[in-house]
C-alpha atoms as a PDB file:
ATOM      1  CA  MET A   1     -32.621  11.622  -9.872  1.00  0.00           C
ATOM      2  CA  THR A   2     -29.711  13.822  -8.946  1.00  0.00           C
ATOM      3  CA  GLN A   3     -28.419  15.768 -11.893  1.00  0.00           C
ATOM      4  CA  GLY A   4     -25.089  14.656 -13.343  1.00  0.00           C
ATOM      5  CA  ARG A   5     -25.538  10.966 -12.472  1.00  0.00           C
ATOM      6  CA  ILE A   6     -25.153   8.636 -15.468  1.00  0.00           C
ATOM      7  CA  PHE A   7     -24.761   5.304 -13.677  1.00  0.00           C
ATOM      8  CA  GLY A   8     -25.849   4.413 -10.163  1.00  0.00           C
ATOM      9  CA  ILE A   9     -23.299   3.202  -7.633  1.00  0.00           C
ATOM     10  CA  THR A  10     -24.605  -0.392  -7.620  1.00  0.00           C
ATOM     11  CA  PRO A  11     -23.628  -1.371 -11.211  1.00  0.00           C
ATOM     12  CA  VAL A  12     -20.345   0.508 -10.853  1.00  0.00           C
ATOM     13  CA  ALA A  13     -19.565  -1.391  -7.638  1.00  0.00           C
ATOM     14  CA  ILE A  14     -20.468  -4.767  -9.130  1.00  0.00           C
ATOM     15  CA  GLY A  15     -18.394  -4.140 -12.267  1.00  0.00           C
ATOM     16  CA  THR A  16     -15.370  -2.962 -10.272  1.00  0.00           C
ATOM     17  CA  ALA A  17     -15.592  -5.940  -7.911  1.00  0.00           C
ATOM     18  CA  LEU A  18     -15.751  -8.430 -10.797  1.00  0.00           C
ATOM     19  CA  VAL A  19     -12.645  -6.949 -12.430  1.00  0.00           C
ATOM     20  CA  ALA A  20     -10.766  -6.749  -9.111  1.00  0.00           C
ATOM     21  CA  ALA A  21     -11.596 -10.279  -7.946  1.00  0.00           C
ATOM     22  CA  PRO A  22      -8.899 -12.063 -10.053  1.00  0.00           C
ATOM     23  CA  PHE A  23      -6.165  -9.828  -8.606  1.00  0.00           C
ATOM     24  CA  LEU A  24      -7.337 -10.662  -5.105  1.00  0.00           C
ATOM     25  CA  ALA A  25      -7.341 -14.373  -5.936  1.00  0.00           C
ATOM     26  CA  VAL A  26      -3.794 -14.174  -7.329  1.00  0.00           C
ATOM     27  CA  GLY A  27      -2.700 -12.262  -4.247  1.00  0.00           C
ATOM     28  CA  TRP A  28      -4.121 -14.887  -1.930  1.00  0.00           C
ATOM     29  CA  SER A  29      -2.458 -17.708  -3.867  1.00  0.00           C
ATOM     30  CA  SER A  30       0.880 -15.841  -3.791  1.00  0.00           C
ATOM     31  CA  LEU A  31       0.982 -16.218  -0.009  1.00  0.00           C
ATOM     32  CA  PHE A  32       1.530 -19.945  -0.470  1.00  0.00           C
ATOM     33  CA  ASP A  33       4.492 -19.416  -2.805  1.00  0.00           C
ATOM     34  CA  GLU A  34       7.885 -19.913  -1.149  1.00  0.00           C
ATOM     35  CA  ALA A  35       9.252 -16.943  -3.124  1.00  0.00           C
ATOM     36  CA  THR A  36       6.789 -14.533  -1.514  1.00  0.00           C
ATOM     37  CA  PRO A  37       8.207 -12.587   1.466  1.00  0.00           C
ATOM     38  CA  VAL A  38       5.075 -13.041   3.580  1.00  0.00           C
ATOM     39  CA  PRO A  39       6.475 -11.078   6.570  1.00  0.00           C
ATOM     40  CA  LEU A  40       7.140  -8.091   4.276  1.00  0.00           C
ATOM     41  CA  VAL A  41       3.607  -8.310   2.846  1.00  0.00           C
ATOM     42  CA  ALA A  42       2.219  -8.396   6.395  1.00  0.00           C
ATOM     43  CA  VAL A  43       4.306  -5.409   7.498  1.00  0.00           C
ATOM     44  CA  LEU A  44       3.283  -3.357   4.467  1.00  0.00           C
ATOM     45  CA  ALA A  45      -0.371  -4.263   5.048  1.00  0.00           C
ATOM     46  CA  ILE A  46      -0.136  -3.084   8.683  1.00  0.00           C
ATOM     47  CA  VAL A  47       1.661   0.122   7.673  1.00  0.00           C
ATOM     48  CA  ALA A  48      -0.881   0.812   4.925  1.00  0.00           C
ATOM     49  CA  ALA A  49      -3.776   0.229   7.336  1.00  0.00           C
ATOM     50  CA  GLY A  50      -2.191   2.542   9.903  1.00  0.00           C
ATOM     51  CA  LEU A  51      -1.521   5.306   7.394  1.00  0.00           C
ATOM     52  CA  ARG A  52      -5.073   5.021   6.119  1.00  0.00           C
ATOM     53  CA  MET A  53      -6.182   6.130   9.572  1.00  0.00           C
ATOM     54  CA  LEU A  54      -4.343   9.430   9.002  1.00  0.00           C
ATOM     55  CA  PRO A  55      -6.015  10.705   5.831  1.00  0.00           C
ATOM     56  CA  VAL A  56      -5.751  14.111   4.226  1.00  0.00           C
ATOM     57  CA  LYS A  57      -9.177  15.535   3.420  1.00  0.00           C
ATOM     58  CA  VAL A  58      -9.241  17.062  -0.055  1.00  0.00           C
ATOM     59  CA  ARG A  59     -12.909  17.761   0.556  1.00  0.00           C
ATOM     60  CA  SER A  60     -15.295  16.420   3.168  1.00  0.00           C
ATOM     61  CA  ASP A  61     -16.205  13.282   1.223  1.00  0.00           C
ATOM     62  CA  VAL A  62     -12.800  12.710  -0.434  1.00  0.00           C
ATOM     63  CA  GLN A  63      -9.688  11.579   1.410  1.00  0.00           C
ATOM     64  CA  VAL A  64      -6.222  10.698   0.161  1.00  0.00           C
ATOM     65  CA  SER A  65      -3.635   8.941   2.252  1.00  0.00           C
ATOM     66  CA  ALA A  66       0.055   8.127   2.463  1.00  0.00           C
ATOM     67  CA  ALA A  67      -1.098   4.500   2.574  1.00  0.00           C
ATOM     68  CA  ASP A  68      -0.680   4.682  -1.206  1.00  0.00           C
ATOM     69  CA  VAL A  69       3.088   4.755  -0.609  1.00  0.00           C
ATOM     70  CA  ALA A  70       2.889   1.439   1.253  1.00  0.00           C
ATOM     71  CA  VAL A  71       0.792  -0.047  -1.541  1.00  0.00           C
ATOM     72  CA  LEU A  72       3.322   1.129  -4.134  1.00  0.00           C
ATOM     73  CA  ALA A  73       6.108  -0.380  -2.007  1.00  0.00           C
ATOM     74  CA  ALA A  74       4.258  -3.694  -2.209  1.00  0.00           C
ATOM     75  CA  VAL A  75       4.056  -3.275  -5.983  1.00  0.00           C
ATOM     76  CA  VAL A  76       7.823  -2.755  -6.207  1.00  0.00           C
ATOM     77  CA  PHE A  77       9.097  -5.223  -3.581  1.00  0.00           C
ATOM     78  CA  THR A  78       6.601  -8.124  -3.581  1.00  0.00           C
ATOM     79  CA  PRO A  79       5.430 -10.633  -6.219  1.00  0.00           C
ATOM     80  CA  PHE A  80       2.541  -9.988  -8.577  1.00  0.00           C
ATOM     81  CA  GLY A  81      -0.807 -10.110  -6.786  1.00  0.00           C
ATOM     82  CA  ALA A  82       0.437  -9.475  -3.250  1.00  0.00           C
ATOM     83  CA  PRO A  83      -0.136  -5.663  -3.489  1.00  0.00           C
ATOM     84  CA  ALA A  84      -3.853  -6.353  -3.863  1.00  0.00           C
ATOM     85  CA  LEU A  85      -3.852  -7.759  -0.316  1.00  0.00           C
ATOM     86  CA  VAL A  86      -2.048  -4.681   1.017  1.00  0.00           C
ATOM     87  CA  ALA A  87      -4.600  -2.424  -0.690  1.00  0.00           C
ATOM     88  CA  LEU A  88      -7.432  -4.557   0.715  1.00  0.00           C
ATOM     89  CA  ALA A  89      -6.066  -4.155   4.258  1.00  0.00           C
ATOM     90  CA  ALA A  90      -5.810  -0.372   3.868  1.00  0.00           C
ATOM     91  CA  ALA A  91      -9.223   0.152   2.285  1.00  0.00           C
ATOM     92  CA  GLY A  92     -10.914  -2.299   4.649  1.00  0.00           C
ATOM     93  CA  THR A  93      -9.488  -0.504   7.681  1.00  0.00           C
ATOM     94  CA  SER A  94     -10.751   2.822   6.352  1.00  0.00           C
ATOM     95  CA  LEU A  95     -14.185   1.310   5.772  1.00  0.00           C
ATOM     96  CA  LEU A  96     -14.347   0.034   9.346  1.00  0.00           C
ATOM     97  CA  ARG A  97     -13.384   3.451  10.694  1.00  0.00           C
ATOM     98  CA  TRP A  98     -15.586   5.477   8.365  1.00  0.00           C
ATOM     99  CA  PRO A  99     -18.519   3.272   7.241  1.00  0.00           C
ATOM    100  CA  ARG A 100     -20.176   3.932   3.885  1.00  0.00           C
ATOM    101  CA  PRO A 101     -23.385   2.715   2.275  1.00  0.00           C
ATOM    102  CA  VAL A 102     -23.007  -0.929   1.222  1.00  0.00           C
ATOM    103  CA  TRP A 103     -22.420  -0.515  -2.512  1.00  0.00           C
ATOM    104  CA  ALA A 104     -20.308   2.610  -2.094  1.00  0.00           C
ATOM    105  CA  GLY A 105     -18.152   0.614   0.328  1.00  0.00           C
ATOM    106  CA  VAL A 106     -17.869  -2.312  -2.077  1.00  0.00           C
ATOM    107  CA  GLN A 107     -16.767  -0.002  -4.887  1.00  0.00           C
ATOM    108  CA  TYR A 108     -14.295   1.785  -2.614  1.00  0.00           C
ATOM    109  CA  VAL A 109     -12.543  -1.426  -1.551  1.00  0.00           C
ATOM    110  CA  ALA A 110     -12.702  -3.042  -5.004  1.00  0.00           C
ATOM    111  CA  SER A 111     -11.255   0.058  -6.671  1.00  0.00           C
ATOM    112  CA  ALA A 112      -8.277   0.020  -4.281  1.00  0.00           C
ATOM    113  CA  VAL A 113      -7.642  -3.655  -5.040  1.00  0.00           C
ATOM    114  CA  LEU A 114      -7.984  -3.051  -8.778  1.00  0.00           C
ATOM    115  CA  SER A 115      -5.541  -0.111  -8.793  1.00  0.00           C
ATOM    116  CA  ALA A 116      -2.932  -2.075  -6.832  1.00  0.00           C
ATOM    117  CA  GLY A 117      -3.411  -5.193  -8.937  1.00  0.00           C
ATOM    118  CA  LEU A 118      -3.045  -3.443 -12.284  1.00  0.00           C
ATOM    119  CA  ALA A 119      -0.075  -1.403 -11.058  1.00  0.00           C
ATOM    120  CA  SER A 120       1.598  -4.651  -9.950  1.00  0.00           C
ATOM    121  CA  LEU A 121       0.852  -6.231 -13.328  1.00  0.00           C
ATOM    122  CA  MET A 122       2.391  -3.278 -15.167  1.00  0.00           C
ATOM    123  CA  PHE A 123       5.486  -3.249 -12.930  1.00  0.00           C
ATOM    124  CA  HIS A 124       6.296  -6.893 -13.553  1.00  0.00           C
ATOM    125  CA  ALA A 125       5.436  -6.660 -17.265  1.00  0.00           C
ATOM    126  CA  VAL A 126       7.719  -3.646 -17.834  1.00  0.00           C
ATOM    127  CA  ARG A 127      10.514  -5.185 -15.768  1.00  0.00           C
ATOM    128  CA  SER A 128      10.308  -8.386 -17.799  1.00  0.00           C
ATOM    129  CA  ASP A 129      10.152  -6.643 -21.188  1.00  0.00           C
ATOM    130  CA  LEU A 130      12.918  -4.100 -20.563  1.00  0.00           C
ATOM    131  CA  ALA A 131      15.339  -6.167 -18.493  1.00  0.00           C
ATOM    132  CA  GLY A 132      17.659  -6.702 -21.472  1.00  0.00           C
ATOM    133  CA  LEU A 133      17.730  -2.982 -22.260  1.00  0.00           C
ATOM    134  CA  PHE A 134      18.177  -1.487 -18.781  1.00  0.00           C
ATOM    135  CA  GLY A 135      19.769  -4.340 -16.845  1.00  0.00           C
ATOM    136  CA  SER A 136      19.617  -3.888 -13.055  1.00  0.00           C
ATOM    137  CA  ARG A 137      18.233  -0.371 -13.517  1.00  0.00           C
ATOM    138  CA  VAL A 138      15.034  -1.737 -15.081  1.00  0.00           C
ATOM    139  CA  THR A 139      13.223  -1.192 -11.769  1.00  0.00           C
ATOM    140  CA  ILE A 140      13.299   2.576 -12.374  1.00  0.00           C
ATOM    141  CA  PRO A 141      11.096   2.647 -15.525  1.00  0.00           C
ATOM    142  CA  ALA A 142       9.033  -0.213 -14.092  1.00  0.00           C
ATOM    143  CA  SER A 143       8.395   1.716 -10.848  1.00  0.00           C
ATOM    144  CA  VAL A 144       7.554   4.940 -12.696  1.00  0.00           C
ATOM    145  CA  THR A 145       5.135   3.093 -14.977  1.00  0.00           C
ATOM    146  CA  ALA A 146       3.478   1.410 -11.997  1.00  0.00           C
ATOM    147  CA  ALA A 147       3.145   4.763 -10.200  1.00  0.00           C
ATOM    148  CA  ILE A 148       1.540   6.373 -13.263  1.00  0.00           C
ATOM    149  CA  VAL A 149      -0.904   3.477 -13.677  1.00  0.00           C
ATOM    150  CA  PHE A 150      -1.763   3.478  -9.977  1.00  0.00           C
ATOM    151  CA  LEU A 151      -2.268   7.263  -9.880  1.00  0.00           C
ATOM    152  CA  GLY A 152      -4.393   7.321 -13.030  1.00  0.00           C
ATOM    153  CA  LEU A 153      -6.620   4.460 -11.894  1.00  0.00           C
ATOM    154  CA  GLU A 154      -7.124   5.887  -8.407  1.00  0.00           C
ATOM    155  CA  LEU A 155      -8.187   9.275  -9.772  1.00  0.00           C
ATOM    156  CA  ALA A 156     -10.389   7.795 -12.500  1.00  0.00           C
ATOM    157  CA  GLN A 157     -12.167   5.492 -10.069  1.00  0.00           C
ATOM    158  CA  LEU A 158     -12.582   8.293  -7.540  1.00  0.00           C
ATOM    159  CA  ALA A 159     -14.265  10.450 -10.177  1.00  0.00           C
ATOM    160  CA  LEU A 160     -16.417   7.495 -11.280  1.00  0.00           C
ATOM    161  CA  ARG A 161     -17.505   6.756  -7.710  1.00  0.00           C
ATOM    162  CA  LEU A 162     -18.465  10.349  -6.945  1.00  0.00           C
ATOM    163  CA  SER A 163     -20.248  10.683 -10.282  1.00  0.00           C
ATOM    164  CA  ALA A 164     -22.224   7.497  -9.596  1.00  0.00           C
ATOM    165  CA  LEU A 165     -23.193   8.930  -6.211  1.00  0.00           C
ATOM    166  CA  GLY A 166     -24.316  12.162  -7.903  1.00  0.00           C
ATOM    167  CA  LYS A 167     -21.623  14.294  -6.226  1.00  0.00           C
ATOM    168  CA  LEU A 168     -19.956  15.580  -9.400  1.00  0.00           C
ATOM    169  CA  GLU A 169     -22.307  17.666 -11.493  1.00  0.00           C
ATOM    170  CA  ARG A 170     -20.040  19.972 -13.469  1.00  0.00           C
ATOM    171  CA  ALA A 171     -16.756  19.679 -15.311  1.00  0.00           C
ATOM    172  CA  SER A 172     -15.311  22.240 -12.910  1.00  0.00           C
ATOM    173  CA  ASP A 173     -16.070  19.885 -10.003  1.00  0.00           C
ATOM    174  CA  VAL A 174     -13.997  17.152 -11.662  1.00  0.00           C
ATOM    175  CA  ASP A 175     -11.121  19.495 -12.480  1.00  0.00           C
ATOM    176  CA  ARG A 176     -10.967  20.892  -8.950  1.00  0.00           C
ATOM    177  CA  LEU A 177     -11.224  17.474  -7.303  1.00  0.00           C
ATOM    178  CA  LEU A 178      -8.708  15.674  -9.501  1.00  0.00           C
ATOM    179  CA  GLY A 179      -6.348  18.633  -9.412  1.00  0.00           C
ATOM    180  CA  SER A 180      -6.228  18.702  -5.596  1.00  0.00           C
ATOM    181  CA  ALA A 181      -6.159  14.944  -5.036  1.00  0.00           C
ATOM    182  CA  GLY A 182      -3.808  14.393  -7.971  1.00  0.00           C
ATOM    183  CA  ARG A 183      -1.194  16.846  -6.668  1.00  0.00           C
ATOM    184  CA  VAL A 184      -1.041  15.175  -3.269  1.00  0.00           C
ATOM    185  CA  MET A 185      -0.856  11.655  -4.691  1.00  0.00           C
ATOM    186  CA  LEU A 186       1.708  12.705  -7.293  1.00  0.00           C
ATOM    187  CA  LEU A 187       4.043  14.062  -4.627  1.00  0.00           C
ATOM    188  CA  TRP A 188       3.761  10.924  -2.534  1.00  0.00           C
ATOM    189  CA  LEU A 189       4.022   8.341  -5.301  1.00  0.00           C
ATOM    190  CA  PHE A 190       6.897   9.790  -7.323  1.00  0.00           C
ATOM    191  CA  GLY A 191       8.744  10.753  -4.167  1.00  0.00           C
ATOM    192  CA  ALA A 192       8.309   7.147  -3.068  1.00  0.00           C
ATOM    193  CA  VAL A 193       9.755   5.840  -6.364  1.00  0.00           C
ATOM    194  CA  MET A 194      12.959   7.787  -5.749  1.00  0.00           C
ATOM    195  CA  VAL A 195      13.159   6.572  -2.150  1.00  0.00           C
ATOM    196  CA  PHE A 196      12.674   2.957  -3.235  1.00  0.00           C
ATOM    197  CA  GLU A 197      15.596   3.166  -5.636  1.00  0.00           C
ATOM    198  CA  VAL A 198      17.808   4.691  -2.935  1.00  0.00           C
ATOM    199  CA  VAL A 199      16.805   1.899  -0.547  1.00  0.00           C
ATOM    200  CA  ARG A 200      17.783  -0.686  -3.163  1.00  0.00           C
ATOM    201  CA  ILE A 201      21.302   0.779  -3.134  1.00  0.00           C
ATOM    202  CA  GLU A 202      21.597   1.066   0.651  1.00  0.00           C
ATOM    203  CA  PRO A 203      18.679   0.246   2.987  1.00  0.00           C
ATOM    204  CA  LEU A 204      20.203   2.332   5.805  1.00  0.00           C
ATOM    205  CA  PHE A 205      19.506   5.464   3.738  1.00  0.00           C
ATOM    206  CA  LEU A 206      15.872   4.964   4.752  1.00  0.00           C
ATOM    207  CA  VAL A 207      16.670   6.090   8.332  1.00  0.00           C
ATOM    208  CA  PRO A 208      17.255   9.794   7.544  1.00  0.00           C
ATOM    209  CA  GLY A 209      14.405   9.617   5.045  1.00  0.00           C
ATOM    210  CA  ILE A 210      11.763   8.921   7.700  1.00  0.00           C
ATOM    211  CA  PRO A 211      11.909  12.425   9.317  1.00  0.00           C
ATOM    212  CA  LEU A 212      11.815  13.993   5.859  1.00  0.00           C
ATOM    213  CA  PHE A 213       8.749  11.925   4.997  1.00  0.00           C
ATOM    214  CA  ALA A 214       7.020  13.021   8.223  1.00  0.00           C
ATOM    215  CA  LEU A 215       7.853  16.682   7.541  1.00  0.00           C
ATOM    216  CA  GLY A 216       6.598  16.399   3.965  1.00  0.00           C
ATOM    217  CA  TYR A 217       3.407  14.713   5.172  1.00  0.00           C
ATOM    218  CA  TYR A 218       2.529  17.525   7.571  1.00  0.00           C
ATOM    219  CA  GLU A 219       3.396  20.164   4.976  1.00  0.00           C
ATOM    220  CA  ILE A 220       0.934  18.524   2.570  1.00  0.00           C
ATOM    221  CA  VAL A 221      -1.731  18.319   5.280  1.00  0.00           C
ATOM    222  CA  ALA A 222      -1.327  22.027   6.052  1.00  0.00           C
ATOM    223  CA  ARG A 223      -1.526  22.994   2.391  1.00  0.00           C
ATOM    224  CA  VAL A 224      -4.655  20.933   1.714  1.00  0.00           C
ATOM    225  CA  ALA A 225      -6.287  22.336   4.873  1.00  0.00           C
ATOM    226  CA  ALA A 226      -5.597  25.869   3.614  1.00  0.00           C
ATOM    227  CA  GLU A 227      -7.115  24.994   0.233  1.00  0.00           C
ATOM    228  CA  ARG A 228     -10.232  23.655   1.957  1.00  0.00           C
ATOM    229  CA  ARG A 229     -10.627  26.879   3.931  1.00  0.00           C
ATOM    230  CA  VAL A 230     -10.425  28.833   0.680  1.00  0.00           C
ATOM    231  CA  SER A 231     -13.038  26.486  -0.808  1.00  0.00           C
ATOM    232  CA  LEU A 232     -15.377  27.138   2.124  1.00  0.00           C
ATOM    233  CA  LEU A 233     -15.048  30.885   1.658  1.00  0.00           C
ATOM    234  CA  GLU A 234     -15.712  30.497  -2.058  1.00  0.00           C
ATOM    235  CA  THR A 235     -18.812  28.457  -1.260  1.00  0.00           C
ATOM    236  CA  ALA A 236     -20.145  31.113   1.105  1.00  0.00           C
ATOM    237  CA  ASN A 237     -19.615  33.708  -1.623  1.00  0.00           C
ATOM    238  CA  SER A 238     -21.283  31.462  -4.234  1.00  0.00           C
ATOM    239  CA  VAL A 239     -24.309  30.950  -1.989  1.00  0.00           C
ATOM    240  CA  SER A 240     -24.738  34.710  -1.584  1.00  0.00           C
ATOM    241  CA  HIS A 241     -24.615  35.137  -5.358  1.00  0.00           C
ATOM    242  CA  ALA A 242     -27.041  32.241  -5.863  1.00  0.00           C
ATOM    243  CA  VAL A 243     -29.624  33.855  -3.575  1.00  0.00           C
ATOM    244  CA  GLY A 244     -29.682  36.966  -5.746  1.00  0.00           C
ATOM    245  CA  SER A 245     -29.362  35.247  -9.114  1.00  0.00           C
ATOM    246  CA  THR A 246     -33.016  34.320  -9.665  1.00  0.00           C
ATOM    247  CA  LEU A 247     -36.516  35.205  -8.537  1.00  0.00           C
ATOM    248  CA  ASP A 248     -37.561  31.554  -8.405  1.00  0.00           C
ATOM    249  CA  PRO A 249     -37.188  30.508  -4.728  1.00  0.00           C
ATOM    250  CA  VAL A 250     -36.947  26.780  -5.539  1.00  0.00           C
ATOM    251  CA  GLU A 251     -34.073  27.458  -7.931  1.00  0.00           C
ATOM    252  CA  VAL A 252     -32.384  29.496  -5.194  1.00  0.00           C
ATOM    253  CA  PHE A 253     -32.748  26.544  -2.799  1.00  0.00           C
ATOM    254  CA  ARG A 254     -31.421  24.206  -5.470  1.00  0.00           C
ATOM    255  CA  GLN A 255     -28.366  26.405  -5.955  1.00  0.00           C
ATOM    256  CA  VAL A 256     -27.741  26.556  -2.206  1.00  0.00           C
ATOM    257  CA  TYR A 257     -27.996  22.750  -2.016  1.00  0.00           C
ATOM    258  CA  ARG A 258     -25.425  22.337  -4.793  1.00  0.00           C
ATOM    259  CA  GLN A 259     -22.998  24.701  -3.113  1.00  0.00           C
ATOM    260  CA  VAL A 260     -23.339  23.007   0.271  1.00  0.00           C
ATOM    261  CA  ALA A 261     -22.961  19.552  -1.292  1.00  0.00           C
ATOM    262  CA  ALA A 262     -19.675  20.696  -2.854  1.00  0.00           C
ATOM    263  CA  VAL A 263     -17.996  21.063   0.549  1.00  0.00           C
ATOM    264  CA  MET A 264     -19.672  18.460   2.786  1.00  0.00           C
ATOM    265  CA  PRO A 265     -21.490  15.117   2.430  1.00  0.00           C
ATOM    266  CA  VAL A 266     -25.203  15.794   1.981  1.00  0.00           C
ATOM    267  CA  ASP A 267     -27.313  12.638   1.940  1.00  0.00           C
ATOM    268  CA  SER A 268     -30.427  14.617   2.788  1.00  0.00           C
ATOM    269  CA  PHE A 269     -31.202  18.330   2.588  1.00  0.00           C
ATOM    270  CA  PHE A 270     -34.176  20.623   3.188  1.00  0.00           C
ATOM    271  CA  VAL A 271     -35.155  24.281   3.249  1.00  0.00           C
ATOM    272  CA  ALA A 272     -38.159  25.066   5.437  1.00  0.00           C
ATOM    273  CA  ILE A 273     -39.937  28.423   5.861  1.00  0.00           C
ATOM    274  CA  ALA A 274     -41.937  29.367   8.955  1.00  0.00           C
ATOM    275  CA  ASP A 275     -45.322  31.015   8.583  1.00  0.00           C
ATOM    276  CA  ALA A 276     -45.959  34.519   9.946  1.00  0.00           C
ATOM    277  CA  GLU A 277     -47.268  33.147  13.276  1.00  0.00           C
ATOM    278  CA  ARG A 278     -44.312  30.759  13.576  1.00  0.00           C
ATOM    279  CA  THR A 279     -46.565  27.786  14.217  1.00  0.00           C
ATOM    280  CA  ARG A 280     -45.976  25.766  11.048  1.00  0.00           C
ATOM    281  CA  LEU A 281     -43.053  24.961   8.782  1.00  0.00           C
ATOM    282  CA  SER A 282     -43.420  24.766   5.025  1.00  0.00           C
ATOM    283  CA  TYR A 283     -40.738  22.449   3.633  1.00  0.00           C
ATOM    284  CA  ARG A 284     -40.403  24.084   0.236  1.00  0.00           C
ATOM    285  CA  PHE A 285     -37.359  22.112  -0.943  1.00  0.00           C
ATOM    286  CA  LEU A 286     -36.459  18.554   0.069  1.00  0.00           C
ATOM    287  CA  VAL A 287     -33.895  16.247  -1.489  1.00  0.00           C
ATOM    288  CA  ASP A 288     -32.250  12.977  -0.533  1.00  0.00           C
ATOM    289  CA  GLU A 289     -30.246  10.325  -2.359  1.00  0.00           C
ATOM    290  CA  SER A 290     -33.362   9.361  -4.338  1.00  0.00           C
ATOM    291  CA  GLY A 291     -33.779  12.901  -5.752  1.00  0.00           C
ATOM    292  CA  GLU A 292     -36.016  15.897  -5.084  1.00  0.00           C
ATOM    293  CA  LEU A 293     -39.145  15.209  -3.034  1.00  0.00           C
ATOM    294  CA  GLU A 294     -42.574  16.839  -2.936  1.00  0.00           C
ATOM    295  CA  PRO A 295     -42.979  19.886  -0.639  1.00  0.00           C
ATOM    296  CA  THR A 296     -44.783  19.290   2.666  1.00  0.00           C
ATOM    297  CA  GLU A 297     -45.855  21.080   5.861  1.00  0.00           C
ATOM    298  CA  ARG A 298     -45.440  20.244   9.554  1.00  0.00           C
ATOM    299  CA  GLU A 299     -45.979  21.818  12.946  1.00  0.00           C
ATOM    300  CA  LEU A 300     -43.024  23.990  13.890  1.00  0.00           C
ATOM    301  CA  GLU A 301     -42.916  22.970  17.547  1.00  0.00           C
ATOM    302  CA  GLY A 302     -40.809  19.906  18.324  1.00  0.00           C
ATOM    303  CA  THR A 303     -38.780  19.944  15.111  1.00  0.00           C
ATOM    304  CA  VAL A 304     -35.091  20.588  14.562  1.00  0.00           C
ATOM    305  CA  GLY A 305     -35.991  23.305  12.064  1.00  0.00           C
ATOM    306  CA  GLY A 306     -38.304  24.917  14.598  1.00  0.00           C
ATOM    307  CA  TYR A 307     -35.526  24.901  17.195  1.00  0.00           C
ATOM    308  CA  ALA A 308     -33.156  26.709  14.820  1.00  0.00           C
ATOM    309  CA  ILE A 309     -35.805  29.307  14.004  1.00  0.00           C
ATOM    310  CA  ARG A 310     -36.853  29.995  17.601  1.00  0.00           C
ATOM    311  CA  SER A 311     -33.319  30.045  19.025  1.00  0.00           C
ATOM    312  CA  GLY A 312     -31.684  31.739  16.053  1.00  0.00           C
ATOM    313  CA  ARG A 313     -28.724  29.368  16.460  1.00  0.00           C
ATOM    314  CA  PRO A 314     -27.410  26.416  14.458  1.00  0.00           C
ATOM    315  CA  LEU A 315     -28.150  22.947  15.821  1.00  0.00           C
ATOM    316  CA  LEU A 316     -25.747  20.019  15.401  1.00  0.00           C
ATOM    317  CA  LEU A 317     -26.825  16.480  16.297  1.00  0.00           C
ATOM    318  CA  ARG A 318     -23.701  14.315  16.074  1.00  0.00           C
ATOM    319  CA  ASN A 319     -25.590  11.172  17.081  1.00  0.00           C
ATOM    320  CA  ALA A 320     -29.041  11.863  15.691  1.00  0.00           C
ATOM    321  CA  GLY A 321     -30.903   9.113  17.569  1.00  0.00           C
ATOM    322  CA  HIS A 322     -29.387   9.833  20.988  1.00  0.00           C
ATOM    323  CA  ASP A 323     -29.336  13.638  20.689  1.00  0.00           C
ATOM    324  CA  ARG A 324     -32.888  13.808  19.353  1.00  0.00           C
ATOM    325  CA  ASP A 325     -34.210  11.883  22.351  1.00  0.00           C
ATOM    326  CA  ARG A 326     -32.147  14.025  24.741  1.00  0.00           C
ATOM    327  CA  LEU A 327     -33.584  17.257  23.288  1.00  0.00           C
ATOM    328  CA  GLY A 328     -37.110  15.906  22.929  1.00  0.00           C
ATOM    329  CA  PHE A 329     -37.391  15.967  19.134  1.00  0.00           C
ATOM    330  CA  PRO A 330     -39.458  13.070  17.745  1.00  0.00           C
ATOM    331  CA  ARG A 331     -38.051  11.475  14.604  1.00  0.00           C
ATOM    332  CA  ALA A 332     -39.881  12.862  11.560  1.00  0.00           C
ATOM    333  CA  ALA A 333     -37.655  11.892   8.677  1.00  0.00           C
ATOM    334  CA  PHE A 334     -38.523  12.182   5.005  1.00  0.00           C
ATOM    335  CA  GLY A 335     -37.298  10.231   1.985  1.00  0.00           C
ATOM    336  CA  THR A 336     -35.167   7.090   2.248  1.00  0.00           C
ATOM    337  CA  VAL A 337     -32.213   8.270   4.345  1.00  0.00           C
ATOM    338  CA  ALA A 338     -31.725   6.972   7.909  1.00  0.00           C
ATOM    339  CA  GLU A 339     -29.814   9.973   9.203  1.00  0.00           C
ATOM    340  CA  GLU A 340     -26.947   9.514  11.668  1.00  0.00           C
ATOM    341  CA  SER A 341     -26.047  13.193  12.092  1.00  0.00           C
ATOM    342  CA  ILE A 342     -27.978  16.394  11.389  1.00  0.00           C
ATOM    343  CA  VAL A 343     -27.021  20.043  11.118  1.00  0.00           C
ATOM    344  CA  VAL A 344     -29.725  22.723  10.890  1.00  0.00           C
ATOM    345  CA  VAL A 345     -28.889  26.394  10.338  1.00  0.00           C
ATOM    346  CA  PRO A 346     -31.261  29.376  10.437  1.00  0.00           C
ATOM    347  CA  LEU A 347     -31.263  31.486   7.262  1.00  0.00           C
ATOM    348  CA  ARG A 348     -31.857  35.188   7.803  1.00  0.00           C
ATOM    349  CA  ILE A 349     -33.076  37.651   5.197  1.00  0.00           C
ATOM    350  CA  ARG A 350     -32.799  41.347   6.087  1.00  0.00           C
ATOM    351  CA  GLY A 351     -32.138  40.470   9.720  1.00  0.00           C
END
């Protein structure tokens, strides 16, 4: 199995779904309560779903979104349970746009519902307990507490999901991921808390706040994009060091795989070497979601690897089934992955 994986995604998804289910049930029942502002819940769900379509990529397999602001608004302005429905709408929309494997998708949606549900629970609990001490201002500590709970749960469940999928192998991976995602979410959530309190005083103050929010959003997007470019350069440098760090070729390939997996989703990966006559390919290193596979050999002609070697150019198949047929490459997959897109790059040593 992939190194660094303690639990598989299936038990994590089932456990998260079981804990999140009561919050979803309470949210559904709240819609039939006369005190619930159903139109507001619907508007926040639509806004959250729309914002989820404009994510900020912290890394290729990790996205954060301003939809969290809409979910936190539901926590602050709607009854207990209703925020779980807003989170469900946002996460479900994202899942429809960017499908995931079944259990990874279940955990993704359930974790969003759980974070919103627990944040809502904490908001109402703090507001009830501290109402006598803070009076009408009790919403401030309640909102801050809810934001902290929501932020902590989102980051913890993100790390758990990636670990279960085998995509976090070192402590440095966790620190880098949570540091980048945490900064973005922190800015959005605590900025939102201040805006909510201003809106309570005078709703019209929200009008000048919308352009500021848009400006802040694009500033965050630009900063995260710059950080990703730096990460790509660091990866290229790390790969070059990995190639010269050991005489064992399989360990070199393993290091290259780890570096590539740090910056893009890698469900399947191989390194193949052509023989001197360039008629056969020796697949010296193969790995998919089930772990490392046994080496194998194939004819070079008619393979995506053979194309990259003969042309000396990278090959990208965005729609693997359609593009493979168009280029005349028969499907010759290995392992358990049904690939939807493929990128093959020629590796050159001394020219």
